[in-house]
Amino acid sequence: MQQFKVSGMSCGHCVRAVTQAIQALEQTARVEVDLAAGLVRVEGNLDAAQIQAAIREEGYEIAPA
C-alpha cells in the first residue's frame, strides 16, 4: 500500500474527487482517505507517479508520506 500526504482536502467532496481520480486509472484500486491527517493510501497496481499526477490534476498538493 502506498501512502501520500495530500494538502487541501477538507470535505466529502474532496474524498470523492481523489478517490474517483485514482479509480479512473484503476477501477479496482482501494483508496483510503484520512481527512484529519491529510493522508491518502492506495492499494493497487498504479505506480506513485500515476497516483500523484491524478491527485494533482484534481487541484491538490501531494507528496510521499
PDB file of N, CA and C in Angstrom:
ATOM      1  N   MET A   1       0.854  -1.180   0.000  1.00  0.00           N
ATOM      2  CA  MET A   1       0.000   0.000   0.000  1.00  0.00           C
ATOM      3  C   MET A   1       0.895   1.236   0.000  1.00  0.00           C
ATOM      4  N   GLN A   2       0.577   2.162  -0.885  1.00  0.00           N
ATOM      5  CA  GLN A   2       1.327   3.410  -0.966  1.00  0.00           C
ATOM      6  C   GLN A   2       0.597   4.483  -0.164  1.00  0.00           C
ATOM      7  N   GLN A   3       1.369   5.372   0.444  1.00  0.00           N
ATOM      8  CA  GLN A   3       0.775   6.417   1.271  1.00  0.00           C
ATOM      9  C   GLN A   3       1.320   7.773   0.843  1.00  0.00           C
ATOM     10  N   PHE A   4       0.429   8.766   0.790  1.00  0.00           N
ATOM     11  CA  PHE A   4       0.801  10.102   0.353  1.00  0.00           C
ATOM     12  C   PHE A   4       0.221  11.146   1.290  1.00  0.00           C
ATOM     13  N   LYS A   5       0.949  12.242   1.450  1.00  0.00           N
ATOM     14  CA  LYS A   5       0.474  13.399   2.209  1.00  0.00           C
ATOM     15  C   LYS A   5      -0.166  14.345   1.204  1.00  0.00           C
ATOM     16  N   VAL A   6      -1.453  14.636   1.392  1.00  0.00           N
ATOM     17  CA  VAL A   6      -2.192  15.481   0.455  1.00  0.00           C
ATOM     18  C   VAL A   6      -2.749  16.682   1.212  1.00  0.00           C
ATOM     19  N   SER A   7      -2.442  17.882   0.738  1.00  0.00           N
ATOM     20  CA  SER A   7      -2.964  19.076   1.406  1.00  0.00           C
ATOM     21  C   SER A   7      -4.087  19.686   0.577  1.00  0.00           C
ATOM     22  N   GLY A   8      -5.020  20.304   1.272  1.00  0.00           N
ATOM     23  CA  GLY A   8      -6.140  20.964   0.621  1.00  0.00           C
ATOM     24  C   GLY A   8      -7.442  20.184   0.680  1.00  0.00           C
ATOM     25  N   MET A   9      -7.412  18.968   1.216  1.00  0.00           N
ATOM     26  CA  MET A   9      -8.644  18.176   1.341  1.00  0.00           C
ATOM     27  C   MET A   9      -9.357  18.575   2.629  1.00  0.00           C
ATOM     28  N   SER A  10     -10.686  18.796   2.530  1.00  0.00           N
ATOM     29  CA  SER A  10     -11.387  19.237   3.737  1.00  0.00           C
ATOM     30  C   SER A  10     -12.791  18.667   3.901  1.00  0.00           C
ATOM     31  N   CYS A  11     -13.297  17.932   2.897  1.00  0.00           N
ATOM     32  CA  CYS A  11     -14.694  17.508   2.987  1.00  0.00           C
ATOM     33  C   CYS A  11     -14.943  16.237   2.181  1.00  0.00           C
ATOM     34  N   GLY A  12     -16.176  15.786   2.217  1.00  0.00           N
ATOM     35  CA  GLY A  12     -16.563  14.593   1.479  1.00  0.00           C
ATOM     36  C   GLY A  12     -16.363  14.732  -0.022  1.00  0.00           C
ATOM     37  N   HIS A  13     -16.566  15.941  -0.548  1.00  0.00           N
ATOM     38  CA  HIS A  13     -16.338  16.167  -1.975  1.00  0.00           C
ATOM     39  C   HIS A  13     -14.877  15.908  -2.317  1.00  0.00           C
ATOM     40  N   CYS A  14     -13.969  16.347  -1.452  1.00  0.00           N
ATOM     41  CA  CYS A  14     -12.538  16.125  -1.674  1.00  0.00           C
ATOM     42  C   CYS A  14     -12.230  14.629  -1.698  1.00  0.00           C
ATOM     43  N   VAL A  15     -12.810  13.902  -0.768  1.00  0.00           N
ATOM     44  CA  VAL A  15     -12.606  12.451  -0.706  1.00  0.00           C
ATOM     45  C   VAL A  15     -13.084  11.806  -2.004  1.00  0.00           C
ATOM     46  N   ARG A  16     -14.263  12.184  -2.458  1.00  0.00           N
ATOM     47  CA  ARG A  16     -14.811  11.634  -3.717  1.00  0.00           C
ATOM     48  C   ARG A  16     -13.926  11.979  -4.904  1.00  0.00           C
ATOM     49  N   ALA A  17     -13.475  13.234  -4.972  1.00  0.00           N
ATOM     50  CA  ALA A  17     -12.660  13.679  -6.105  1.00  0.00           C
ATOM     51  C   ALA A  17     -11.362  12.885  -6.188  1.00  0.00           C
ATOM     52  N   VAL A  18     -10.692  12.716  -5.055  1.00  0.00           N
ATOM     53  CA  VAL A  18      -9.433  11.972  -5.025  1.00  0.00           C
ATOM     54  C   VAL A  18      -9.678  10.496  -5.346  1.00  0.00           C
ATOM     55  N   THR A  19     -10.678   9.914  -4.728  1.00  0.00           N
ATOM     56  CA  THR A  19     -10.990   8.500  -4.959  1.00  0.00           C
ATOM     57  C   THR A  19     -11.338   8.251  -6.419  1.00  0.00           C
ATOM     58  N   GLN A  20     -12.187   9.074  -6.985  1.00  0.00           N
ATOM     59  CA  GLN A  20     -12.597   8.887  -8.377  1.00  0.00           C
ATOM     60  C   GLN A  20     -11.444   9.105  -9.346  1.00  0.00           C
ATOM     61  N   ALA A  21     -10.555  10.047  -9.047  1.00  0.00           N
ATOM     62  CA  ALA A  21      -9.408  10.294  -9.921  1.00  0.00           C
ATOM     63  C   ALA A  21      -8.506   9.061  -9.989  1.00  0.00           C
ATOM     64  N   ILE A  22      -8.288   8.428  -8.846  1.00  0.00           N
ATOM     65  CA  ILE A  22      -7.441   7.234  -8.810  1.00  0.00           C
ATOM     66  C   ILE A  22      -8.158   6.056  -9.454  1.00  0.00           C
ATOM     67  N   GLN A  23      -9.422   5.879  -9.125  1.00  0.00           N
ATOM     68  CA  GLN A  23     -10.160   4.740  -9.672  1.00  0.00           C
ATOM     69  C   GLN A  23     -10.479   4.901 -11.159  1.00  0.00           C
ATOM     70  N   ALA A  24     -10.352   6.102 -11.706  1.00  0.00           N
ATOM     71  CA  ALA A  24     -10.490   6.285 -13.150  1.00  0.00           C
ATOM     72  C   ALA A  24      -9.312   5.625 -13.870  1.00  0.00           C
ATOM     73  N   LEU A  25      -8.174   5.539 -13.183  1.00  0.00           N
ATOM     74  CA  LEU A  25      -6.993   4.892 -13.755  1.00  0.00           C
ATOM     75  C   LEU A  25      -6.995   3.390 -13.503  1.00  0.00           C
ATOM     76  N   GLU A  26      -7.495   2.997 -12.341  1.00  0.00           N
ATOM     77  CA  GLU A  26      -7.579   1.574 -11.981  1.00  0.00           C
ATOM     78  C   GLU A  26      -8.845   1.377 -11.148  1.00  0.00           C
ATOM     79  N   GLN A  27      -9.866   0.816 -11.772  1.00  0.00           N
ATOM     80  CA  GLN A  27     -11.173   0.680 -11.116  1.00  0.00           C
ATOM     81  C   GLN A  27     -11.117  -0.100  -9.814  1.00  0.00           C
ATOM     82  N   THR A  28     -10.227  -1.069  -9.723  1.00  0.00           N
ATOM     83  CA  THR A  28     -10.186  -1.927  -8.542  1.00  0.00           C
ATOM     84  C   THR A  28      -9.242  -1.418  -7.454  1.00  0.00           C
ATOM     85  N   ALA A  29      -8.626  -0.266  -7.664  1.00  0.00           N
ATOM     86  CA  ALA A  29      -7.724   0.282  -6.647  1.00  0.00           C
ATOM     87  C   ALA A  29      -8.512   0.552  -5.366  1.00  0.00           C
ATOM     88  N   ARG A  30      -7.899   0.218  -4.237  1.00  0.00           N
ATOM     89  CA  ARG A  30      -8.503   0.512  -2.934  1.00  0.00           C
ATOM     90  C   ARG A  30      -7.926   1.840  -2.444  1.00  0.00           C
ATOM     91  N   VAL A  31      -8.786   2.788  -2.165  1.00  0.00           N
ATOM     92  CA  VAL A  31      -8.359   4.129  -1.765  1.00  0.00           C
ATOM     93  C   VAL A  31      -8.913   4.430  -0.379  1.00  0.00           C
ATOM     94  N   GLU A  32      -8.037   4.832   0.525  1.00  0.00           N
ATOM     95  CA  GLU A  32      -8.438   5.250   1.873  1.00  0.00           C
ATOM     96  C   GLU A  32      -7.986   6.692   2.056  1.00  0.00           C
ATOM     97  N   VAL A  33      -8.897   7.552   2.490  1.00  0.00           N
ATOM     98  CA  VAL A  33      -8.576   8.958   2.709  1.00  0.00           C
ATOM     99  C   VAL A  33      -8.802   9.292   4.176  1.00  0.00           C
ATOM    100  N   ASP A  34      -7.785   9.861   4.811  1.00  0.00           N
ATOM    101  CA  ASP A  34      -7.878  10.320   6.197  1.00  0.00           C
ATOM    102  C   ASP A  34      -7.806  11.843   6.166  1.00  0.00           C
ATOM    103  N   LEU A  35      -8.969  12.490   6.191  1.00  0.00           N
ATOM    104  CA  LEU A  35      -9.008  13.953   6.106  1.00  0.00           C
ATOM    105  C   LEU A  35      -8.247  14.618   7.244  1.00  0.00           C
ATOM    106  N   ALA A  36      -8.427  14.131   8.457  1.00  0.00           N
ATOM    107  CA  ALA A  36      -7.797  14.754   9.626  1.00  0.00           C
ATOM    108  C   ALA A  36      -6.277  14.750   9.520  1.00  0.00           C
ATOM    109  N   ALA A  37      -5.718  13.654   9.027  1.00  0.00           N
ATOM    110  CA  ALA A  37      -4.265  13.534   8.911  1.00  0.00           C
ATOM    111  C   ALA A  37      -3.748  14.027   7.563  1.00  0.00           C
ATOM    112  N   GLY A  38      -4.653  14.234   6.609  1.00  0.00           N
ATOM    113  CA  GLY A  38      -4.237  14.644   5.272  1.00  0.00           C
ATOM    114  C   GLY A  38      -3.519  13.540   4.522  1.00  0.00           C
ATOM    115  N   LEU A  39      -3.935  12.296   4.762  1.00  0.00           N
ATOM    116  CA  LEU A  39      -3.274  11.154   4.136  1.00  0.00           C
ATOM    117  C   LEU A  39      -4.192  10.439   3.158  1.00  0.00           C
ATOM    118  N   VAL A  40      -3.587   9.950   2.088  1.00  0.00           N
ATOM    119  CA  VAL A  40      -4.279   9.102   1.124  1.00  0.00           C
ATOM    120  C   VAL A  40      -3.454   7.833   0.988  1.00  0.00           C
ATOM    121  N   ARG A  41      -4.113   6.692   1.154  1.00  0.00           N
ATOM    122  CA  ARG A  41      -3.460   5.393   0.990  1.00  0.00           C
ATOM    123  C   ARG A  41      -4.094   4.704  -0.208  1.00  0.00           C
ATOM    124  N   VAL A  42      -3.240   4.118  -1.047  1.00  0.00           N
ATOM    125  CA  VAL A  42      -3.728   3.470  -2.261  1.00  0.00           C
ATOM    126  C   VAL A  42      -3.129   2.080  -2.361  1.00  0.00           C
ATOM    127  N   GLU A  43      -4.006   1.102  -2.563  1.00  0.00           N
ATOM    128  CA  GLU A  43      -3.566  -0.268  -2.795  1.00  0.00           C
ATOM    129  C   GLU A  43      -4.027  -0.659  -4.192  1.00  0.00           C
ATOM    130  N   GLY A  44      -3.076  -1.044  -5.019  1.00  0.00           N
ATOM    131  CA  GLY A  44      -3.391  -1.424  -6.392  1.00  0.00           C
ATOM    132  C   GLY A  44      -2.119  -1.535  -7.202  1.00  0.00           C
ATOM    133  N   ASN A  45      -2.269  -1.478  -8.514  1.00  0.00           N
ATOM    134  CA  ASN A  45      -1.134  -1.670  -9.415  1.00  0.00           C
ATOM    135  C   ASN A  45      -0.580  -0.380  -9.996  1.00  0.00           C
ATOM    136  N   LEU A  46      -1.085   0.758  -9.574  1.00  0.00           N
ATOM    137  CA  LEU A  46      -0.597   2.038 -10.080  1.00  0.00           C
ATOM    138  C   LEU A  46       0.743   2.378  -9.442  1.00  0.00           C
ATOM    139  N   ASP A  47       1.606   3.057 -10.217  1.00  0.00           N
ATOM    140  CA  ASP A  47       2.853   3.497  -9.600  1.00  0.00           C
ATOM    141  C   ASP A  47       2.641   4.881  -8.982  1.00  0.00           C
ATOM    142  N   ALA A  48       3.592   5.294  -8.166  1.00  0.00           N
ATOM    143  CA  ALA A  48       3.457   6.544  -7.411  1.00  0.00           C
ATOM    144  C   ALA A  48       3.256   7.745  -8.327  1.00  0.00           C
ATOM    145  N   ALA A  49       3.956   7.783  -9.456  1.00  0.00           N
ATOM    146  CA  ALA A  49       3.840   8.921 -10.370  1.00  0.00           C
ATOM    147  C   ALA A  49       2.424   9.042 -10.929  1.00  0.00           C
ATOM    148  N   GLN A  50       1.795   7.923 -11.243  1.00  0.00           N
ATOM    149  CA  GLN A  50       0.423   7.947 -11.761  1.00  0.00           C
ATOM    150  C   GLN A  50      -0.545   8.482 -10.708  1.00  0.00           C
ATOM    151  N   ILE A  51      -0.377   8.030  -9.478  1.00  0.00           N
ATOM    152  CA  ILE A  51      -1.250   8.470  -8.385  1.00  0.00           C
ATOM    153  C   ILE A  51      -1.068   9.962  -8.129  1.00  0.00           C
ATOM    154  N   GLN A  52       0.182  10.394  -8.055  1.00  0.00           N
ATOM    155  CA  GLN A  52       0.459  11.805  -7.803  1.00  0.00           C
ATOM    156  C   GLN A  52      -0.112  12.686  -8.906  1.00  0.00           C
ATOM    157  N   ALA A  53       0.040  12.281 -10.160  1.00  0.00           N
ATOM    158  CA  ALA A  53      -0.485  13.071 -11.280  1.00  0.00           C
ATOM    159  C   ALA A  53      -2.007  13.170 -11.214  1.00  0.00           C
ATOM    160  N   ALA A  54      -2.674  12.070 -10.893  1.00  0.00           N
ATOM    161  CA  ALA A  54      -4.139  12.066 -10.819  1.00  0.00           C
ATOM    162  C   ALA A  54      -4.631  13.002  -9.721  1.00  0.00           C
ATOM    163  N   ILE A  55      -3.967  12.990  -8.575  1.00  0.00           N
ATOM    164  CA  ILE A  55      -4.387  13.840  -7.459  1.00  0.00           C
ATOM    165  C   ILE A  55      -4.066  15.306  -7.744  1.00  0.00           C
ATOM    166  N   ARG A  56      -2.901  15.571  -8.333  1.00  0.00           N
ATOM    167  CA  ARG A  56      -2.560  16.957  -8.698  1.00  0.00           C
ATOM    168  C   ARG A  56      -3.553  17.520  -9.709  1.00  0.00           C
ATOM    169  N   GLU A  57      -3.988  16.683 -10.635  1.00  0.00           N
ATOM    170  CA  GLU A  57      -4.950  17.118 -11.653  1.00  0.00           C
ATOM    171  C   GLU A  57      -6.264  17.575 -11.018  1.00  0.00           C
ATOM    172  N   GLU A  58      -6.581  17.036  -9.842  1.00  0.00           N
ATOM    173  CA  GLU A  58      -7.785  17.452  -9.115  1.00  0.00           C
ATOM    174  C   GLU A  58      -7.555  18.737  -8.321  1.00  0.00           C
ATOM    175  N   GLY A  59      -6.314  19.245  -8.307  1.00  0.00           N
ATOM    176  CA  GLY A  59      -6.029  20.520  -7.663  1.00  0.00           C
ATOM    177  C   GLY A  59      -5.431  20.443  -6.275  1.00  0.00           C
ATOM    178  N   TYR A  60      -4.942  19.277  -5.881  1.00  0.00           N
ATOM    179  CA  TYR A  60      -4.373  19.107  -4.544  1.00  0.00           C
ATOM    180  C   TYR A  60      -2.856  18.978  -4.621  1.00  0.00           C
ATOM    181  N   GLU A  61      -2.183  19.415  -3.559  1.00  0.00           N
ATOM    182  CA  GLU A  61      -0.740  19.230  -3.430  1.00  0.00           C
ATOM    183  C   GLU A  61      -0.499  17.852  -2.833  1.00  0.00           C
ATOM    184  N   ILE A  62       0.506  17.145  -3.338  1.00  0.00           N
ATOM    185  CA  ILE A  62       0.749  15.780  -2.872  1.00  0.00           C
ATOM    186  C   ILE A  62       2.238  15.509  -2.771  1.00  0.00           C
ATOM    187  N   ALA A  63       2.611  14.723  -1.766  1.00  0.00           N
ATOM    188  CA  ALA A  63       3.992  14.287  -1.573  1.00  0.00           C
ATOM    189  C   ALA A  63       3.962  12.907  -0.925  1.00  0.00           C
ATOM    190  N   PRO A  64       5.023  12.116  -1.124  1.00  0.00           N
ATOM    191  CA  PRO A  64       5.077  10.823  -0.424  1.00  0.00           C
ATOM    192  C   PRO A  64       5.036  11.061   1.086  1.00  0.00           C
ATOM    193  N   ALA A  65       4.354  10.207   1.809  1.00  0.00           N
ATOM    194  CA  ALA A  65       4.253  10.362   3.272  1.00  0.00           C
ATOM    195  C   ALA A  65       5.274   9.490   3.967  1.00  0.00           C
TER     196      ALA A  65
END
